[in-house]
Amino acid sequence: MQPVEHFKDEYKGKTCAVLGGGVSLATDLRQIEPVDILIGVNQHSLILPLDFLVFRDRDVWPLINHIHDCRFVTHLNKFNDGRVIHAGICPPIGYSGGMAIWFADYLGFDRIDVCGMDQYDPKKHEGREYWWEGPQTNLARKHTSCNSDLSRTKLFVDTLQHPERIWFVSGRLKEIHQ
């Protein structure tokens, strides 16, 4: 495993997109300019040619370890693989999407477009939807009505080294950050 400290500000002058698994992913991707680097969250965006994939759950590894043209970022210590970057100094965010945003910020990108980061009401797990369930389903409207408290996420984004470089393409985080 490589420590994340080896990558600080390595991508200055470049752009990236952080790709979550929310139903807005497909629409959000069509709204951004082309980027230099794609950073996926968990296995949700593996249909795209990712440069990095960020995960926190050890059960994701069997789903992704066969991908050889991608680097992986995790806080877990169990992977003795040269493709894995250990995010040891990343603050304890609690979810992979936040860790992916922190990682992109740490790499020093000039612009970070965050796509597919729909926010869900944590008390209503049945309201959770992913991009493949998309707008073609009746459930897709639920995510727009979830007004969960995002103050902790906003506080986290504001404490990053360059919060002004982070652009949420859609959703509640766009409303409170931009």
C-alpha atoms as a PDB file:
ATOM      1  CA  MET A   1       0.000   0.000   0.000  1.00  0.00           C
ATOM      2  CA  GLN A   2       1.129   3.511  -0.744  1.00  0.00           C
ATOM      3  CA  PRO A   3       0.499   6.308   1.788  1.00  0.00           C
ATOM      4  CA  VAL A   4      -1.726   9.123   0.548  1.00  0.00           C
ATOM      5  CA  GLU A   5       0.950  11.615   1.625  1.00  0.00           C
ATOM      6  CA  HIS A   6       2.901  10.664  -1.528  1.00  0.00           C
ATOM      7  CA  PHE A   7       0.141  12.214  -3.654  1.00  0.00           C
ATOM      8  CA  LYS A   8      -0.390  15.625  -2.019  1.00  0.00           C
ATOM      9  CA  ASP A   9      -1.032  18.295  -4.674  1.00  0.00           C
ATOM     10  CA  GLU A  10       0.085  15.900  -7.441  1.00  0.00           C
ATOM     11  CA  TYR A  11      -2.756  17.028  -9.703  1.00  0.00           C
ATOM     12  CA  LYS A  12      -2.448  20.807  -9.549  1.00  0.00           C
ATOM     13  CA  GLY A  13      -3.597  22.303 -12.835  1.00  0.00           C
ATOM     14  CA  LYS A  14      -5.925  19.353 -13.545  1.00  0.00           C
ATOM     15  CA  THR A  15      -9.657  18.756 -13.138  1.00  0.00           C
ATOM     16  CA  CYS A  16     -11.606  15.777 -11.843  1.00  0.00           C
ATOM     17  CA  ALA A  17     -15.079  14.447 -11.266  1.00  0.00           C
ATOM     18  CA  VAL A  18     -16.030  12.535  -8.127  1.00  0.00           C
ATOM     19  CA  LEU A  19     -18.741  10.041  -9.055  1.00  0.00           C
ATOM     20  CA  GLY A  20     -21.232   8.881  -6.438  1.00  0.00           C
ATOM     21  CA  GLY A  21     -23.965   6.308  -6.868  1.00  0.00           C
ATOM     22  CA  GLY A  22     -27.021   8.581  -6.726  1.00  0.00           C
ATOM     23  CA  VAL A  23     -29.726   8.691  -9.376  1.00  0.00           C
ATOM     24  CA  SER A  24     -28.430  12.070 -10.556  1.00  0.00           C
ATOM     25  CA  LEU A  25     -25.100  10.576 -11.771  1.00  0.00           C
ATOM     26  CA  ALA A  26     -26.061  10.181 -15.442  1.00  0.00           C
ATOM     27  CA  THR A  27     -27.652  13.636 -15.637  1.00  0.00           C
ATOM     28  CA  ASP A  28     -24.825  15.304 -13.703  1.00  0.00           C
ATOM     29  CA  LEU A  29     -22.161  13.832 -15.989  1.00  0.00           C
ATOM     30  CA  ARG A  30     -23.858  15.415 -18.995  1.00  0.00           C
ATOM     31  CA  GLN A  31     -23.731  18.845 -17.338  1.00  0.00           C
ATOM     32  CA  ILE A  32     -19.984  19.104 -16.701  1.00  0.00           C
ATOM     33  CA  GLU A  33     -17.094  19.941 -18.970  1.00  0.00           C
ATOM     34  CA  PRO A  34     -14.668  17.096 -19.773  1.00  0.00           C
ATOM     35  CA  VAL A  35     -12.287  16.384 -16.887  1.00  0.00           C
ATOM     36  CA  ASP A  36      -8.779  14.951 -16.654  1.00  0.00           C
ATOM     37  CA  ILE A  37      -9.419  12.362 -13.917  1.00  0.00           C
ATOM     38  CA  LEU A  38     -12.415  10.276 -12.799  1.00  0.00           C
ATOM     39  CA  ILE A  39     -12.713   9.264  -9.134  1.00  0.00           C
ATOM     40  CA  GLY A  40     -15.403   6.674  -8.428  1.00  0.00           C
ATOM     41  CA  VAL A  41     -17.087   5.978  -5.106  1.00  0.00           C
ATOM     42  CA  ASN A  42     -17.483   2.290  -4.233  1.00  0.00           C
ATOM     43  CA  GLN A  43     -18.393   0.063  -7.167  1.00  0.00           C
ATOM     44  CA  HIS A  44     -21.180   2.257  -8.538  1.00  0.00           C
ATOM     45  CA  SER A  45     -19.276   3.925 -11.356  1.00  0.00           C
ATOM     46  CA  LEU A  46     -17.196   0.970 -12.579  1.00  0.00           C
ATOM     47  CA  ILE A  47     -18.846   1.156 -15.993  1.00  0.00           C
ATOM     48  CA  LEU A  48     -16.646   4.224 -16.597  1.00  0.00           C
ATOM     49  CA  PRO A  49     -12.855   4.189 -17.092  1.00  0.00           C
ATOM     50  CA  LEU A  50     -11.944   5.285 -13.574  1.00  0.00           C
ATOM     51  CA  ASP A  51      -8.524   6.524 -12.537  1.00  0.00           C
ATOM     52  CA  PHE A  52      -9.244   6.075  -8.812  1.00  0.00           C
ATOM     53  CA  LEU A  53     -11.918   4.262  -6.833  1.00  0.00           C
ATOM     54  CA  VAL A  54     -12.522   5.175  -3.186  1.00  0.00           C
ATOM     55  CA  PHE A  55     -14.086   2.709  -0.752  1.00  0.00           C
ATOM     56  CA  ARG A  56     -14.456   2.232   3.009  1.00  0.00           C
ATOM     57  CA  ASP A  57     -16.229  -1.122   3.215  1.00  0.00           C
ATOM     58  CA  ARG A  58     -14.006  -4.233   3.021  1.00  0.00           C
ATOM     59  CA  ASP A  59     -16.819  -6.086   1.236  1.00  0.00           C
ATOM     60  CA  VAL A  60     -16.261  -3.870  -1.815  1.00  0.00           C
ATOM     61  CA  TRP A  61     -12.787  -5.331  -2.473  1.00  0.00           C
ATOM     62  CA  PRO A  62     -13.993  -8.612  -4.050  1.00  0.00           C
ATOM     63  CA  LEU A  63     -16.114  -6.539  -6.448  1.00  0.00           C
ATOM     64  CA  ILE A  64     -13.241  -4.347  -7.614  1.00  0.00           C
ATOM     65  CA  ASN A  65      -9.905  -6.143  -7.162  1.00  0.00           C
ATOM     66  CA  HIS A  66      -9.989  -7.557 -10.702  1.00  0.00           C
ATOM     67  CA  ILE A  67      -9.808  -4.020 -12.178  1.00  0.00           C
ATOM     68  CA  HIS A  68      -6.162  -3.510 -13.129  1.00  0.00           C
ATOM     69  CA  ASP A  69      -6.192  -0.065 -14.753  1.00  0.00           C
ATOM     70  CA  CYS A  70      -7.372   1.793 -11.651  1.00  0.00           C
ATOM     71  CA  ARG A  71      -5.904   2.794  -8.289  1.00  0.00           C
ATOM     72  CA  PHE A  72      -7.886   2.223  -5.111  1.00  0.00           C
ATOM     73  CA  VAL A  73      -8.122   4.480  -2.059  1.00  0.00           C
ATOM     74  CA  THR A  74      -9.178   3.182   1.345  1.00  0.00           C
ATOM     75  CA  HIS A  75      -8.556   3.625   5.051  1.00  0.00           C
ATOM     76  CA  LEU A  76      -8.426  -0.157   5.543  1.00  0.00           C
ATOM     77  CA  ASN A  77      -5.036  -1.724   6.267  1.00  0.00           C
ATOM     78  CA  LYS A  78      -5.620  -5.222   4.951  1.00  0.00           C
ATOM     79  CA  PHE A  79      -4.656  -4.860   1.292  1.00  0.00           C
ATOM     80  CA  ASN A  80      -1.080  -5.625   0.273  1.00  0.00           C
ATOM     81  CA  ASP A  81      -1.509  -4.438  -3.280  1.00  0.00           C
ATOM     82  CA  GLY A  82       0.522  -1.790  -5.104  1.00  0.00           C
ATOM     83  CA  ARG A  83      -2.653  -0.320  -6.604  1.00  0.00           C
ATOM     84  CA  VAL A  84      -4.021   0.599  -3.163  1.00  0.00           C
ATOM     85  CA  ILE A  85      -3.435   4.018  -1.596  1.00  0.00           C
ATOM     86  CA  HIS A  86      -3.912   4.163   2.166  1.00  0.00           C
ATOM     87  CA  ALA A  87      -5.925   7.246   3.165  1.00  0.00           C
ATOM     88  CA  GLY A  88      -4.559   7.171   6.716  1.00  0.00           C
ATOM     89  CA  ILE A  89      -4.520  10.924   7.343  1.00  0.00           C
ATOM     90  CA  CYS A  90      -8.038  11.410   5.982  1.00  0.00           C
ATOM     91  CA  PRO A  91     -10.330  12.654   8.770  1.00  0.00           C
ATOM     92  CA  PRO A  92     -12.964  10.169  10.003  1.00  0.00           C
ATOM     93  CA  ILE A  93     -15.718  11.217   7.623  1.00  0.00           C
ATOM     94  CA  GLY A  94     -17.851   8.086   7.884  1.00  0.00           C
ATOM     95  CA  TYR A  95     -18.799   7.557   4.251  1.00  0.00           C
ATOM     96  CA  SER A  96     -16.952   6.851   1.010  1.00  0.00           C
ATOM     97  CA  GLY A  97     -18.320   9.875  -0.860  1.00  0.00           C
ATOM     98  CA  GLY A  98     -16.880  12.266   1.707  1.00  0.00           C
ATOM     99  CA  MET A  99     -13.555  10.452   1.647  1.00  0.00           C
ATOM    100  CA  ALA A 100     -13.495  10.721  -2.167  1.00  0.00           C
ATOM    101  CA  ILE A 101     -14.077  14.493  -1.989  1.00  0.00           C
ATOM    102  CA  TRP A 102     -11.340  14.816   0.653  1.00  0.00           C
ATOM    103  CA  PHE A 103      -8.971  12.751  -1.529  1.00  0.00           C
ATOM    104  CA  ALA A 104      -9.656  14.900  -4.614  1.00  0.00           C
ATOM    105  CA  ASP A 105      -9.062  18.053  -2.586  1.00  0.00           C
ATOM    106  CA  TYR A 106      -5.845  16.587  -1.122  1.00  0.00           C
ATOM    107  CA  LEU A 107      -4.569  15.820  -4.633  1.00  0.00           C
ATOM    108  CA  GLY A 108      -4.842  19.537  -5.416  1.00  0.00           C
ATOM    109  CA  PHE A 109      -7.189  19.536  -8.413  1.00  0.00           C
ATOM    110  CA  ASP A 110      -8.061  23.009  -9.690  1.00  0.00           C
ATOM    111  CA  ARG A 111     -11.717  21.996 -10.066  1.00  0.00           C
ATOM    112  CA  ILE A 112     -13.637  19.093  -8.548  1.00  0.00           C
ATOM    113  CA  ASP A 113     -17.080  18.382 -10.022  1.00  0.00           C
ATOM    114  CA  VAL A 114     -19.119  16.161  -7.703  1.00  0.00           C
ATOM    115  CA  CYS A 115     -21.682  14.080  -9.615  1.00  0.00           C
ATOM    116  CA  GLY A 116     -24.259  11.615  -8.339  1.00  0.00           C
ATOM    117  CA  MET A 117     -23.941  12.697  -4.698  1.00  0.00           C
ATOM    118  CA  ASP A 118     -27.615  12.576  -3.883  1.00  0.00           C
ATOM    119  CA  GLN A 119     -28.319  12.964  -0.198  1.00  0.00           C
ATOM    120  CA  TYR A 120     -30.644  10.580   1.561  1.00  0.00           C
ATOM    121  CA  ASP A 121     -32.565  10.827   4.774  1.00  0.00           C
ATOM    122  CA  PRO A 122     -30.551   8.464   6.996  1.00  0.00           C
ATOM    123  CA  LYS A 123     -33.684   7.518   8.931  1.00  0.00           C
ATOM    124  CA  LYS A 124     -35.392   6.264   5.777  1.00  0.00           C
ATOM    125  CA  HIS A 125     -33.265   3.558   4.181  1.00  0.00           C
ATOM    126  CA  GLU A 126     -36.042   2.782   1.717  1.00  0.00           C
ATOM    127  CA  GLY A 127     -35.443   6.264   0.261  1.00  0.00           C
ATOM    128  CA  ARG A 128     -31.956   5.305  -0.899  1.00  0.00           C
ATOM    129  CA  GLU A 129     -31.608   5.020  -4.658  1.00  0.00           C
ATOM    130  CA  TYR A 130     -28.717   4.498  -7.040  1.00  0.00           C
ATOM    131  CA  TRP A 131     -28.030   5.663 -10.583  1.00  0.00           C
ATOM    132  CA  TRP A 132     -29.154   2.432 -12.248  1.00  0.00           C
ATOM    133  CA  GLU A 133     -32.593   2.877 -10.696  1.00  0.00           C
ATOM    134  CA  GLY A 134     -32.607   6.267 -12.390  1.00  0.00           C
ATOM    135  CA  PRO A 135     -35.331   8.632 -13.484  1.00  0.00           C
ATOM    136  CA  GLN A 136     -37.041   5.840 -15.385  1.00  0.00           C
ATOM    137  CA  THR A 137     -38.411   4.467 -12.095  1.00  0.00           C
ATOM    138  CA  ASN A 138     -41.207   5.802  -9.939  1.00  0.00           C
ATOM    139  CA  LEU A 139     -38.901   5.864  -6.908  1.00  0.00           C
ATOM    140  CA  ALA A 140     -36.620   8.498  -8.430  1.00  0.00           C
ATOM    141  CA  ARG A 141     -38.626  11.413  -7.106  1.00  0.00           C
ATOM    142  CA  LYS A 142     -37.966  10.453  -3.472  1.00  0.00           C
ATOM    143  CA  HIS A 143     -34.420  11.779  -3.366  1.00  0.00           C
ATOM    144  CA  THR A 144     -35.538  15.305  -4.219  1.00  0.00           C
ATOM    145  CA  SER A 145     -37.810  15.446  -1.190  1.00  0.00           C
ATOM    146  CA  CYS A 146     -35.213  14.304   1.365  1.00  0.00           C
ATOM    147  CA  ASN A 147     -34.222  17.363   3.348  1.00  0.00           C
ATOM    148  CA  SER A 148     -31.934  15.665   5.838  1.00  0.00           C
ATOM    149  CA  ASP A 149     -29.609  17.790   7.938  1.00  0.00           C
ATOM    150  CA  LEU A 150     -26.500  18.387   5.860  1.00  0.00           C
ATOM    151  CA  SER A 151     -24.794  20.759   8.298  1.00  0.00           C
ATOM    152  CA  ARG A 152     -22.074  18.221   9.169  1.00  0.00           C
ATOM    153  CA  THR A 153     -21.332  17.623   5.494  1.00  0.00           C
ATOM    154  CA  LYS A 154     -21.230  21.366   4.843  1.00  0.00           C
ATOM    155  CA  LEU A 155     -18.871  21.840   7.796  1.00  0.00           C
ATOM    156  CA  PHE A 156     -16.629  19.053   6.464  1.00  0.00           C
ATOM    157  CA  VAL A 157     -16.466  20.571   2.961  1.00  0.00           C
ATOM    158  CA  ASP A 158     -15.730  24.015   4.396  1.00  0.00           C
ATOM    159  CA  THR A 159     -12.723  22.640   6.321  1.00  0.00           C
ATOM    160  CA  LEU A 160     -11.005  21.245   3.221  1.00  0.00           C
ATOM    161  CA  GLN A 161      -7.914  23.009   1.903  1.00  0.00           C
ATOM    162  CA  HIS A 162      -9.769  24.398  -1.151  1.00  0.00           C
ATOM    163  CA  PRO A 163     -13.566  24.242  -0.680  1.00  0.00           C
ATOM    164  CA  GLU A 164     -13.981  26.879  -3.393  1.00  0.00           C
ATOM    165  CA  ARG A 165     -12.760  24.340  -5.964  1.00  0.00           C
ATOM    166  CA  ILE A 166     -15.549  21.861  -5.168  1.00  0.00           C
ATOM    167  CA  TRP A 167     -18.699  22.082  -7.282  1.00  0.00           C
ATOM    168  CA  PHE A 168     -21.721  19.907  -6.580  1.00  0.00           C
ATOM    169  CA  VAL A 169     -23.511  19.554  -9.899  1.00  0.00           C
ATOM    170  CA  SER A 170     -26.969  19.033  -8.402  1.00  0.00           C
ATOM    171  CA  GLY A 171     -28.899  18.262  -5.248  1.00  0.00           C
ATOM    172  CA  ARG A 172     -29.035  19.523  -1.692  1.00  0.00           C
ATOM    173  CA  LEU A 173     -25.270  19.862  -1.340  1.00  0.00           C
ATOM    174  CA  LYS A 174     -25.226  22.259  -4.289  1.00  0.00           C
ATOM    175  CA  GLU A 175     -27.895  24.339  -2.572  1.00  0.00           C
ATOM    176  CA  ILE A 176     -25.910  24.720   0.644  1.00  0.00           C
ATOM    177  CA  HIS A 177     -22.345  24.854  -0.718  1.00  0.00           C
ATOM    178  CA  GLN A 178     -22.529  27.092  -3.790  1.00  0.00           C
END
